[in-house]
Amino acid sequence: MMEFTIEHEWNSAHVPHEPVKFCLQPAPEGLQLQVSAPFFNDPPAPQGPAGEPFNALWDYEVVEAFFLNSEKEHYLEIELGPERVLQTRLSREDAGEHPEKQFTYRITTTWDSKPVLHEPVTITFKPHQDGLVMEVYALFFEEPTAPSGKPGEPFNGLWDYEVVESFFLNSKTTQYLEVELCPHGQHLVLLLSGVGNAFKRELPLEFAADTTSDWGKWRGTTLIPWSYFPPGVNMMNSYAIHGAGIGRVYESLYPIPPQEIAEGQGPNFHRLEYFNEFPLKWLMGEEWQQPHSSFWEPTV
């Protein structure tokens, strides 16, 4: 086995982050290439299906390896992009009979495409027979102070506090689910039909937040019931908010491109046209059928 570390940029300057590492080892039918690297999620993932070729992959986040015959100048180029589906081991109790997969995302930009100036928020989605597991790992800013509501209960207006949010959209019907999680333990679930049109709010949610185990950071875990998801979810976006007054910061997984921001425009998390692909079957498998939900019957 041969191991390599990419510690320099093209101009010999040292990389300002944890280096990319990769190793080569023999395999019966070829050469096995393994990559370990920070996941920047910038730019967002290409539109091609994970596991398939994608032309012009070099325009995205990528690790490349070239293998050269210097005498004939023949060479092989391999490009690997970080798949949005990361293979992990889940317990059978957590995963049920569904594929052992998870999606992990890092929020590295503000709503207007500027880089965040701190360790990014990490959101992980995992399959569960009763719903979607959502895990948050983020810095704990403690600004603004905690909402007045009780931990573990819904709190209307939670978006005015420190919060991490995920939206799950059916782009054809513009029906979507909004889930907000606060490090102080409050949560907010809204069901919306049409942009900003909430017809259900403050639905119950099993949510636990921990601000003490890892100093200066918080973890949150919830199980979002399948009944909360609109039929045919195919898009998603996630956000993080903290700070107060002029120091209020709005961050977005899929931000608005700078060239599309109008003068005087502010953050708006209901810009559905900037959501990215997120079919639930990516996690649950192609044969999975979303359970029926009576919540969505009046809006179908």
C-alpha atoms as a PDB file:
ATOM      1  CA  MET A   1       0.000   0.000   0.000  1.00  0.00           C
ATOM      2  CA  MET A   2       1.208   3.514  -0.821  1.00  0.00           C
ATOM      3  CA  GLU A   3      -0.056   6.579   1.068  1.00  0.00           C
ATOM      4  CA  PHE A   4       0.082  10.206  -0.091  1.00  0.00           C
ATOM      5  CA  THR A   5      -0.872  13.573   1.419  1.00  0.00           C
ATOM      6  CA  ILE A   6      -1.658  16.744  -0.567  1.00  0.00           C
ATOM      7  CA  GLU A   7      -0.087  19.469   1.558  1.00  0.00           C
ATOM      8  CA  HIS A   8       0.510  22.172  -1.074  1.00  0.00           C
ATOM      9  CA  GLU A   9      -1.424  24.281  -3.524  1.00  0.00           C
ATOM     10  CA  TRP A  10      -0.374  24.435  -7.197  1.00  0.00           C
ATOM     11  CA  ASN A  11       2.051  27.300  -6.414  1.00  0.00           C
ATOM     12  CA  SER A  12       3.764  25.443  -3.520  1.00  0.00           C
ATOM     13  CA  ALA A  13       1.914  27.377  -0.814  1.00  0.00           C
ATOM     14  CA  HIS A  14       0.790  25.197   2.092  1.00  0.00           C
ATOM     15  CA  VAL A  15      -2.919  24.356   2.161  1.00  0.00           C
ATOM     16  CA  PRO A  16      -4.771  26.251   4.944  1.00  0.00           C
ATOM     17  CA  HIS A  17      -6.775  23.215   6.089  1.00  0.00           C
ATOM     18  CA  GLU A  18      -6.469  19.535   6.933  1.00  0.00           C
ATOM     19  CA  PRO A  19      -4.724  17.966   3.920  1.00  0.00           C
ATOM     20  CA  VAL A  20      -6.342  15.528   1.528  1.00  0.00           C
ATOM     21  CA  LYS A  21      -5.020  12.013   2.013  1.00  0.00           C
ATOM     22  CA  PHE A  22      -5.256   9.074  -0.346  1.00  0.00           C
ATOM     23  CA  CYS A  23      -3.788   5.623  -0.579  1.00  0.00           C
ATOM     24  CA  LEU A  24      -3.277   3.125  -3.374  1.00  0.00           C
ATOM     25  CA  GLN A  25      -3.378  -0.589  -2.814  1.00  0.00           C
ATOM     26  CA  PRO A  26      -3.542  -3.602  -5.094  1.00  0.00           C
ATOM     27  CA  ALA A  27      -6.811  -5.337  -5.871  1.00  0.00           C
ATOM     28  CA  PRO A  28      -7.472  -8.467  -7.948  1.00  0.00           C
ATOM     29  CA  GLU A  29      -9.000  -6.531 -10.856  1.00  0.00           C
ATOM     30  CA  GLY A  30      -7.150  -3.232 -10.661  1.00  0.00           C
ATOM     31  CA  LEU A  31      -5.859  -0.554  -8.320  1.00  0.00           C
ATOM     32  CA  GLN A  32      -7.903   0.528  -5.312  1.00  0.00           C
ATOM     33  CA  LEU A  33      -7.912   4.264  -4.595  1.00  0.00           C
ATOM     34  CA  GLN A  34      -9.133   5.500  -1.201  1.00  0.00           C
ATOM     35  CA  VAL A  35      -9.599   9.199  -0.407  1.00  0.00           C
ATOM     36  CA  SER A  36      -9.946  10.984   2.933  1.00  0.00           C
ATOM     37  CA  ALA A  37     -10.590  14.729   2.763  1.00  0.00           C
ATOM     38  CA  PRO A  38     -12.458  17.637   4.381  1.00  0.00           C
ATOM     39  CA  PHE A  39     -15.937  18.066   2.872  1.00  0.00           C
ATOM     40  CA  PHE A  40     -16.356  21.744   1.942  1.00  0.00           C
ATOM     41  CA  ASN A  41     -19.690  21.382   0.083  1.00  0.00           C
ATOM     42  CA  ASP A  42     -18.601  24.356  -2.031  1.00  0.00           C
ATOM     43  CA  PRO A  43     -19.659  24.517  -4.797  1.00  0.00           C
ATOM     44  CA  PRO A  44     -22.855  22.506  -4.290  1.00  0.00           C
ATOM     45  CA  ALA A  45     -22.972  18.982  -5.726  1.00  0.00           C
ATOM     46  CA  PRO A  46     -23.341  18.487  -9.495  1.00  0.00           C
ATOM     47  CA  GLN A  47     -26.752  17.482 -10.801  1.00  0.00           C
ATOM     48  CA  GLY A  48     -25.694  14.020 -11.970  1.00  0.00           C
ATOM     49  CA  PRO A  49     -26.728  10.910  -9.999  1.00  0.00           C
ATOM     50  CA  ALA A  50     -24.186   9.756  -7.400  1.00  0.00           C
ATOM     51  CA  GLY A  51     -22.136   6.776  -8.563  1.00  0.00           C
ATOM     52  CA  GLU A  52     -22.292   7.700 -12.273  1.00  0.00           C
ATOM     53  CA  PRO A  53     -19.892   9.585 -14.603  1.00  0.00           C
ATOM     54  CA  PHE A  54     -20.285  13.352 -14.826  1.00  0.00           C
ATOM     55  CA  ASN A  55     -18.572  15.362 -17.554  1.00  0.00           C
ATOM     56  CA  ALA A  56     -16.775  18.542 -16.404  1.00  0.00           C
ATOM     57  CA  LEU A  57     -16.576  17.249 -12.830  1.00  0.00           C
ATOM     58  CA  TRP A  58     -13.438  19.391 -12.512  1.00  0.00           C
ATOM     59  CA  ASP A  59     -15.700  22.425 -12.071  1.00  0.00           C
ATOM     60  CA  TYR A  60     -16.906  21.026  -8.714  1.00  0.00           C
ATOM     61  CA  GLU A  61     -15.355  19.836  -5.455  1.00  0.00           C
ATOM     62  CA  VAL A  62     -13.090  17.018  -6.598  1.00  0.00           C
ATOM     63  CA  VAL A  63      -9.970  14.947  -5.904  1.00  0.00           C
ATOM     64  CA  GLU A  64      -7.993  13.884  -8.976  1.00  0.00           C
ATOM     65  CA  ALA A  65      -5.255  11.333  -9.624  1.00  0.00           C
ATOM     66  CA  PHE A  66      -3.219  11.102 -12.853  1.00  0.00           C
ATOM     67  CA  PHE A  67      -1.165   8.041 -13.878  1.00  0.00           C
ATOM     68  CA  LEU A  68       1.473   8.723 -16.563  1.00  0.00           C
ATOM     69  CA  ASN A  69       3.718   6.776 -18.906  1.00  0.00           C
ATOM     70  CA  SER A  70       6.363   9.476 -19.319  1.00  0.00           C
ATOM     71  CA  GLU A  71       7.950   7.873 -22.381  1.00  0.00           C
ATOM     72  CA  LYS A  72       4.785   7.746 -24.468  1.00  0.00           C
ATOM     73  CA  GLU A  73       2.993  10.600 -22.691  1.00  0.00           C
ATOM     74  CA  HIS A  74      -0.018   8.358 -22.254  1.00  0.00           C
ATOM     75  CA  TYR A  75      -1.878   8.964 -19.031  1.00  0.00           C
ATOM     76  CA  LEU A  76      -5.033   8.122 -17.113  1.00  0.00           C
ATOM     77  CA  GLU A  77      -7.061  10.781 -15.274  1.00  0.00           C
ATOM     78  CA  ILE A  78      -9.396   9.815 -12.435  1.00  0.00           C
ATOM     79  CA  GLU A  79     -11.688  12.402 -10.809  1.00  0.00           C
ATOM     80  CA  LEU A  80     -13.709  11.690  -7.684  1.00  0.00           C
ATOM     81  CA  GLY A  81     -16.415  13.926  -6.243  1.00  0.00           C
ATOM     82  CA  PRO A  82     -17.793  13.613  -2.699  1.00  0.00           C
ATOM     83  CA  GLU A  83     -21.120  11.833  -3.094  1.00  0.00           C
ATOM     84  CA  ARG A  84     -24.060  13.275  -1.247  1.00  0.00           C
ATOM     85  CA  VAL A  85     -24.786   9.746   0.009  1.00  0.00           C
ATOM     86  CA  LEU A  86     -22.175   8.681   2.542  1.00  0.00           C
ATOM     87  CA  GLN A  87     -22.082   4.991   3.430  1.00  0.00           C
ATOM     88  CA  THR A  88     -22.255   4.400   7.186  1.00  0.00           C
ATOM     89  CA  ARG A  89     -23.139   1.632   9.608  1.00  0.00           C
ATOM     90  CA  LEU A  90     -26.427   2.115  11.436  1.00  0.00           C
ATOM     91  CA  SER A  91     -27.912  -0.249  13.957  1.00  0.00           C
ATOM     92  CA  ARG A  92     -30.756  -2.408  12.644  1.00  0.00           C
ATOM     93  CA  GLU A  93     -32.978  -0.860  15.313  1.00  0.00           C
ATOM     94  CA  ASP A  94     -32.343   2.640  13.887  1.00  0.00           C
ATOM     95  CA  ALA A  95     -32.372   1.773  10.214  1.00  0.00           C
ATOM     96  CA  GLY A  96     -35.073  -0.878  10.164  1.00  0.00           C
ATOM     97  CA  GLU A  97     -34.829  -2.706   6.866  1.00  0.00           C
ATOM     98  CA  HIS A  98     -33.748   0.345   4.903  1.00  0.00           C
ATOM     99  CA  PRO A  99     -30.364   0.970   3.221  1.00  0.00           C
ATOM    100  CA  GLU A 100     -27.478   1.843   5.538  1.00  0.00           C
ATOM    101  CA  LYS A 101     -27.010   5.373   4.223  1.00  0.00           C
ATOM    102  CA  GLN A 102     -26.897   8.925   5.444  1.00  0.00           C
ATOM    103  CA  PHE A 103     -26.567  12.412   3.957  1.00  0.00           C
ATOM    104  CA  THR A 104     -24.216  14.870   5.641  1.00  0.00           C
ATOM    105  CA  TYR A 105     -24.228  18.564   4.733  1.00  0.00           C
ATOM    106  CA  ARG A 106     -22.137  21.534   5.925  1.00  0.00           C
ATOM    107  CA  ILE A 107     -23.491  25.083   5.759  1.00  0.00           C
ATOM    108  CA  THR A 108     -20.480  27.035   4.509  1.00  0.00           C
ATOM    109  CA  THR A 109     -22.149  30.165   3.091  1.00  0.00           C
ATOM    110  CA  THR A 110     -24.426  32.962   4.190  1.00  0.00           C
ATOM    111  CA  TRP A 111     -27.782  33.519   2.455  1.00  0.00           C
ATOM    112  CA  ASP A 112     -26.040  35.765  -0.108  1.00  0.00           C
ATOM    113  CA  SER A 113     -23.176  33.359  -0.945  1.00  0.00           C
ATOM    114  CA  LYS A 114     -20.482  34.815   1.306  1.00  0.00           C
ATOM    115  CA  PRO A 115     -18.302  32.297   3.212  1.00  0.00           C
ATOM    116  CA  VAL A 116     -19.164  31.794   6.871  1.00  0.00           C
ATOM    117  CA  LEU A 117     -16.472  32.983   9.275  1.00  0.00           C
ATOM    118  CA  HIS A 118     -16.633  30.085  11.724  1.00  0.00           C
ATOM    119  CA  GLU A 119     -16.773  26.311  11.865  1.00  0.00           C
ATOM    120  CA  PRO A 120     -19.731  25.377   9.660  1.00  0.00           C
ATOM    121  CA  VAL A 121     -22.972  23.879  10.928  1.00  0.00           C
ATOM    122  CA  THR A 122     -23.190  20.154  10.109  1.00  0.00           C
ATOM    123  CA  ILE A 123     -26.545  18.482   9.421  1.00  0.00           C
ATOM    124  CA  THR A 124     -26.906  14.733   8.969  1.00  0.00           C
ATOM    125  CA  PHE A 125     -30.021  12.917   7.770  1.00  0.00           C
ATOM    126  CA  LYS A 126     -30.466   9.202   8.470  1.00  0.00           C
ATOM    127  CA  PRO A 127     -33.207   6.740   7.560  1.00  0.00           C
ATOM    128  CA  HIS A 128     -35.610   5.347  10.143  1.00  0.00           C
ATOM    129  CA  GLN A 129     -38.722   3.248   9.644  1.00  0.00           C
ATOM    130  CA  ASP A 130     -40.855   5.885  11.396  1.00  0.00           C
ATOM    131  CA  GLY A 131     -39.373   8.979   9.803  1.00  0.00           C
ATOM    132  CA  LEU A 132     -36.214  10.901   9.007  1.00  0.00           C
ATOM    133  CA  VAL A 133     -33.546  11.317  11.678  1.00  0.00           C
ATOM    134  CA  MET A 134     -32.049  14.819  11.658  1.00  0.00           C
ATOM    135  CA  GLU A 135     -28.836  15.453  13.598  1.00  0.00           C
ATOM    136  CA  VAL A 136     -27.306  18.905  14.089  1.00  0.00           C
ATOM    137  CA  TYR A 137     -23.780  19.715  15.252  1.00  0.00           C
ATOM    138  CA  ALA A 138     -22.962  23.419  15.497  1.00  0.00           C
ATOM    139  CA  LEU A 139     -21.227  26.166  17.435  1.00  0.00           C
ATOM    140  CA  PHE A 140     -23.284  27.427  20.354  1.00  0.00           C
ATOM    141  CA  PHE A 141     -23.295  31.220  20.129  1.00  0.00           C
ATOM    142  CA  GLU A 142     -25.843  31.840  22.942  1.00  0.00           C
ATOM    143  CA  GLU A 143     -27.016  34.931  21.072  1.00  0.00           C
ATOM    144  CA  PRO A 144     -29.780  35.853  21.313  1.00  0.00           C
ATOM    145  CA  THR A 145     -30.667  34.388  24.704  1.00  0.00           C
ATOM    146  CA  ALA A 146     -32.998  31.395  25.012  1.00  0.00           C
ATOM    147  CA  PRO A 147     -36.680  31.660  24.059  1.00  0.00           C
ATOM    148  CA  SER A 148     -39.156  31.795  26.925  1.00  0.00           C
ATOM    149  CA  GLY A 149     -40.791  28.504  25.917  1.00  0.00           C
ATOM    150  CA  LYS A 150     -40.094  25.203  27.640  1.00  0.00           C
ATOM    151  CA  PRO A 151     -37.388  22.919  26.182  1.00  0.00           C
ATOM    152  CA  GLY A 152     -38.905  20.037  24.245  1.00  0.00           C
ATOM    153  CA  GLU A 153     -42.020  21.980  23.250  1.00  0.00           C
ATOM    154  CA  PRO A 154     -42.962  23.938  20.097  1.00  0.00           C
ATOM    155  CA  PHE A 155     -42.253  27.663  20.115  1.00  0.00           C
ATOM    156  CA  ASN A 156     -43.840  29.945  17.524  1.00  0.00           C
ATOM    157  CA  GLY A 157     -41.452  32.599  16.216  1.00  0.00           C
ATOM    158  CA  LEU A 158     -38.415  30.407  16.877  1.00  0.00           C
ATOM    159  CA  TRP A 159     -36.793  31.866  13.754  1.00  0.00           C
ATOM    160  CA  ASP A 160     -36.059  35.011  15.773  1.00  0.00           C
ATOM    161  CA  TYR A 161     -33.603  33.058  17.965  1.00  0.00           C
ATOM    162  CA  GLU A 162     -30.529  30.866  17.455  1.00  0.00           C
ATOM    163  CA  VAL A 163     -31.780  28.090  15.238  1.00  0.00           C
ATOM    164  CA  VAL A 164     -30.966  25.511  12.543  1.00  0.00           C
ATOM    165  CA  GLU A 165     -33.675  24.850   9.961  1.00  0.00           C
ATOM    166  CA  SER A 166     -34.337  22.339   7.188  1.00  0.00           C
ATOM    167  CA  PHE A 167     -37.041  22.626   4.523  1.00  0.00           C
ATOM    168  CA  PHE A 168     -38.307  19.646   2.479  1.00  0.00           C
ATOM    169  CA  LEU A 169     -40.154  20.517  -0.734  1.00  0.00           C
ATOM    170  CA  ASN A 170     -42.270  18.987  -3.477  1.00  0.00           C
ATOM    171  CA  SER A 171     -41.271  21.412  -6.231  1.00  0.00           C
ATOM    172  CA  LYS A 172     -44.294  20.570  -8.423  1.00  0.00           C
ATOM    173  CA  THR A 173     -46.960  21.274  -5.804  1.00  0.00           C
ATOM    174  CA  THR A 174     -44.945  23.817  -3.712  1.00  0.00           C
ATOM    175  CA  GLN A 175     -45.961  21.875  -0.620  1.00  0.00           C
ATOM    176  CA  TYR A 176     -43.185  21.806   1.931  1.00  0.00           C
ATOM    177  CA  LEU A 177     -42.217  20.971   5.484  1.00  0.00           C
ATOM    178  CA  GLU A 178     -40.212  23.361   7.669  1.00  0.00           C
ATOM    179  CA  VAL A 179     -38.371  22.036  10.740  1.00  0.00           C
ATOM    180  CA  GLU A 180     -36.612  24.434  13.134  1.00  0.00           C
ATOM    181  CA  LEU A 181     -34.344  23.277  15.967  1.00  0.00           C
ATOM    182  CA  CYS A 182     -32.964  25.464  18.756  1.00  0.00           C
ATOM    183  CA  PRO A 183     -29.950  24.630  20.971  1.00  0.00           C
ATOM    184  CA  HIS A 184     -32.050  25.508  24.027  1.00  0.00           C
ATOM    185  CA  GLY A 185     -34.411  22.614  23.256  1.00  0.00           C
ATOM    186  CA  GLN A 186     -37.378  24.322  21.620  1.00  0.00           C
ATOM    187  CA  HIS A 187     -38.533  23.347  18.153  1.00  0.00           C
ATOM    188  CA  LEU A 188     -40.999  24.441  15.500  1.00  0.00           C
ATOM    189  CA  VAL A 189     -42.628  22.409  12.716  1.00  0.00           C
ATOM    190  CA  LEU A 190     -44.684  24.048   9.980  1.00  0.00           C
ATOM    191  CA  LEU A 191     -46.536  22.508   7.025  1.00  0.00           C
ATOM    192  CA  LEU A 192     -46.861  24.885   4.097  1.00  0.00           C
ATOM    193  CA  SER A 193     -48.800  24.796   0.828  1.00  0.00           C
ATOM    194  CA  GLY A 194     -47.586  27.570  -1.432  1.00  0.00           C
ATOM    195  CA  VAL A 195     -44.775  29.984  -0.627  1.00  0.00           C
ATOM    196  CA  GLY A 196     -44.999  31.050   3.019  1.00  0.00           C
ATOM    197  CA  ASN A 197     -48.549  29.709   3.416  1.00  0.00           C
ATOM    198  CA  ALA A 198     -48.469  27.662   6.633  1.00  0.00           C
ATOM    199  CA  PHE A 199     -51.642  25.662   7.300  1.00  0.00           C
ATOM    200  CA  LYS A 200     -50.254  23.636  10.239  1.00  0.00           C
ATOM    201  CA  ARG A 201     -47.799  24.833  12.847  1.00  0.00           C
ATOM    202  CA  GLU A 202     -46.351  23.890  16.235  1.00  0.00           C
ATOM    203  CA  LEU A 203     -46.704  20.147  15.603  1.00  0.00           C
ATOM    204  CA  PRO A 204     -45.152  17.883  18.260  1.00  0.00           C
ATOM    205  CA  LEU A 205     -41.614  16.590  17.752  1.00  0.00           C
ATOM    206  CA  GLU A 206     -39.258  14.326  19.659  1.00  0.00           C
ATOM    207  CA  PHE A 207     -36.200  16.552  19.979  1.00  0.00           C
ATOM    208  CA  ALA A 208     -33.251  16.580  22.362  1.00  0.00           C
ATOM    209  CA  ALA A 209     -30.503  19.222  22.453  1.00  0.00           C
ATOM    210  CA  ASP A 210     -27.194  19.074  24.340  1.00  0.00           C
ATOM    211  CA  THR A 211     -25.076  22.179  25.019  1.00  0.00           C
ATOM    212  CA  THR A 212     -22.914  20.776  27.824  1.00  0.00           C
ATOM    213  CA  SER A 213     -21.056  17.729  26.504  1.00  0.00           C
ATOM    214  CA  ASP A 214     -18.872  19.655  24.044  1.00  0.00           C
ATOM    215  CA  TRP A 215     -17.933  23.111  25.295  1.00  0.00           C
ATOM    216  CA  GLY A 216     -18.939  25.910  22.945  1.00  0.00           C
ATOM    217  CA  LYS A 217     -20.957  23.604  20.681  1.00  0.00           C
ATOM    218  CA  TRP A 218     -24.357  21.963  20.640  1.00  0.00           C
ATOM    219  CA  ARG A 219     -25.848  18.777  19.318  1.00  0.00           C
ATOM    220  CA  GLY A 220     -29.460  18.135  18.500  1.00  0.00           C
ATOM    221  CA  THR A 221     -31.288  15.015  17.365  1.00  0.00           C
ATOM    222  CA  THR A 222     -34.863  14.592  16.244  1.00  0.00           C
ATOM    223  CA  LEU A 223     -37.022  12.058  14.444  1.00  0.00           C
ATOM    224  CA  ILE A 224     -39.271  13.793  11.898  1.00  0.00           C
ATOM    225  CA  PRO A 225     -42.355  11.591  11.347  1.00  0.00           C
ATOM    226  CA  TRP A 226     -43.138  10.589   7.774  1.00  0.00           C
ATOM    227  CA  SER A 227     -46.636  12.018   8.214  1.00  0.00           C
ATOM    228  CA  TYR A 228     -45.141  15.538   8.291  1.00  0.00           C
ATOM    229  CA  PHE A 229     -43.557  15.222   4.838  1.00  0.00           C
ATOM    230  CA  PRO A 230     -45.627  16.235   1.812  1.00  0.00           C
ATOM    231  CA  PRO A 231     -46.011  13.562  -0.855  1.00  0.00           C
ATOM    232  CA  GLY A 232     -43.240  13.529  -3.453  1.00  0.00           C
ATOM    233  CA  VAL A 233     -40.491  15.454  -1.649  1.00  0.00           C
ATOM    234  CA  ASN A 234     -37.688  16.049  -4.157  1.00  0.00           C
ATOM    235  CA  MET A 235     -35.886  19.199  -2.990  1.00  0.00           C
ATOM    236  CA  MET A 236     -34.306  20.517   0.206  1.00  0.00           C
ATOM    237  CA  ASN A 237     -32.516  23.494   1.701  1.00  0.00           C
ATOM    238  CA  SER A 238     -31.119  24.108   5.177  1.00  0.00           C
ATOM    239  CA  TYR A 239     -30.308  27.246   7.117  1.00  0.00           C
ATOM    240  CA  ALA A 240     -28.700  28.474  10.325  1.00  0.00           C
ATOM    241  CA  ILE A 241     -29.300  31.741  12.181  1.00  0.00           C
ATOM    242  CA  HIS A 242     -27.586  33.329  15.171  1.00  0.00           C
ATOM    243  CA  GLY A 243     -26.665  36.747  16.549  1.00  0.00           C
ATOM    244  CA  ALA A 244     -28.688  39.826  17.388  1.00  0.00           C
ATOM    245  CA  GLY A 245     -29.230  43.291  15.957  1.00  0.00           C
ATOM    246  CA  ILE A 246     -26.767  44.285  13.244  1.00  0.00           C
ATOM    247  CA  GLY A 247     -24.789  41.154  14.163  1.00  0.00           C
ATOM    248  CA  ARG A 248     -27.612  38.837  13.099  1.00  0.00           C
ATOM    249  CA  VAL A 249     -26.207  36.199  10.690  1.00  0.00           C
ATOM    250  CA  TYR A 250     -28.295  34.205   8.195  1.00  0.00           C
ATOM    251  CA  GLU A 251     -26.599  31.176   6.651  1.00  0.00           C
ATOM    252  CA  SER A 252     -27.784  28.942   3.811  1.00  0.00           C
ATOM    253  CA  LEU A 253     -26.747  25.552   2.473  1.00  0.00           C
ATOM    254  CA  TYR A 254     -27.866  26.592  -1.023  1.00  0.00           C
ATOM    255  CA  PRO A 255     -27.584  30.389  -1.090  1.00  0.00           C
ATOM    256  CA  ILE A 256     -28.752  32.966  -3.602  1.00  0.00           C
ATOM    257  CA  PRO A 257     -26.006  33.609  -6.187  1.00  0.00           C
ATOM    258  CA  PRO A 258     -24.518  37.120  -5.836  1.00  0.00           C
ATOM    259  CA  GLN A 259     -25.493  38.125  -9.370  1.00  0.00           C
ATOM    260  CA  GLU A 260     -29.160  37.412  -8.594  1.00  0.00           C
ATOM    261  CA  ILE A 261     -29.403  39.583  -5.482  1.00  0.00           C
ATOM    262  CA  ALA A 262     -31.296  42.835  -5.981  1.00  0.00           C
ATOM    263  CA  GLU A 263     -30.263  46.077  -4.313  1.00  0.00           C
ATOM    264  CA  GLY A 264     -31.662  46.266  -0.793  1.00  0.00           C
ATOM    265  CA  GLN A 265     -32.682  42.597  -0.774  1.00  0.00           C
ATOM    266  CA  GLY A 266     -32.547  40.736   2.540  1.00  0.00           C
ATOM    267  CA  PRO A 267     -32.556  37.075   3.535  1.00  0.00           C
ATOM    268  CA  ASN A 268     -35.624  35.055   2.604  1.00  0.00           C
ATOM    269  CA  PHE A 269     -35.570  31.327   3.350  1.00  0.00           C
ATOM    270  CA  HIS A 270     -38.689  30.691   1.263  1.00  0.00           C
ATOM    271  CA  ARG A 271     -36.960  31.215  -2.081  1.00  0.00           C
ATOM    272  CA  LEU A 272     -37.868  27.727  -3.261  1.00  0.00           C
ATOM    273  CA  GLU A 273     -36.156  28.132  -6.633  1.00  0.00           C
ATOM    274  CA  TYR A 274     -32.742  27.800  -4.926  1.00  0.00           C
ATOM    275  CA  PHE A 275     -33.460  24.459  -3.254  1.00  0.00           C
ATOM    276  CA  ASN A 276     -31.470  21.424  -4.459  1.00  0.00           C
ATOM    277  CA  GLU A 277     -32.349  17.793  -5.138  1.00  0.00           C
ATOM    278  CA  PHE A 278     -33.301  15.605  -2.177  1.00  0.00           C
ATOM    279  CA  PRO A 279     -35.603  12.688  -3.122  1.00  0.00           C
ATOM    280  CA  LEU A 280     -36.348  10.643  -0.008  1.00  0.00           C
ATOM    281  CA  LYS A 281     -35.720   7.456  -1.972  1.00  0.00           C
ATOM    282  CA  TRP A 282     -32.033   8.360  -2.057  1.00  0.00           C
ATOM    283  CA  LEU A 283     -32.052   7.385   1.605  1.00  0.00           C
ATOM    284  CA  MET A 284     -34.838   4.852   1.784  1.00  0.00           C
ATOM    285  CA  GLY A 285     -34.258   2.924  -1.443  1.00  0.00           C
ATOM    286  CA  GLU A 286     -36.066   2.863  -4.780  1.00  0.00           C
ATOM    287  CA  GLU A 287     -38.678   0.357  -3.595  1.00  0.00           C
ATOM    288  CA  TRP A 288     -39.678   2.437  -0.569  1.00  0.00           C
ATOM    289  CA  GLN A 289     -43.168   3.931  -0.572  1.00  0.00           C
ATOM    290  CA  GLN A 290     -43.841   7.011   1.539  1.00  0.00           C
ATOM    291  CA  PRO A 291     -46.566   6.343   4.137  1.00  0.00           C
ATOM    292  CA  HIS A 292     -49.895   8.074   3.611  1.00  0.00           C
ATOM    293  CA  SER A 293     -50.485  11.228   5.639  1.00  0.00           C
ATOM    294  CA  SER A 294     -53.866  12.747   6.480  1.00  0.00           C
ATOM    295  CA  PHE A 295     -52.155  16.113   7.145  1.00  0.00           C
ATOM    296  CA  TRP A 296     -51.813  16.738   3.427  1.00  0.00           C
ATOM    297  CA  GLU A 297     -55.251  15.611   2.262  1.00  0.00           C
ATOM    298  CA  PRO A 298     -56.878  19.079   2.355  1.00  0.00           C
ATOM    299  CA  THR A 299     -54.114  20.553   0.171  1.00  0.00           C
ATOM    300  CA  VAL A 300     -53.790  17.793  -2.450  1.00  0.00           C
END
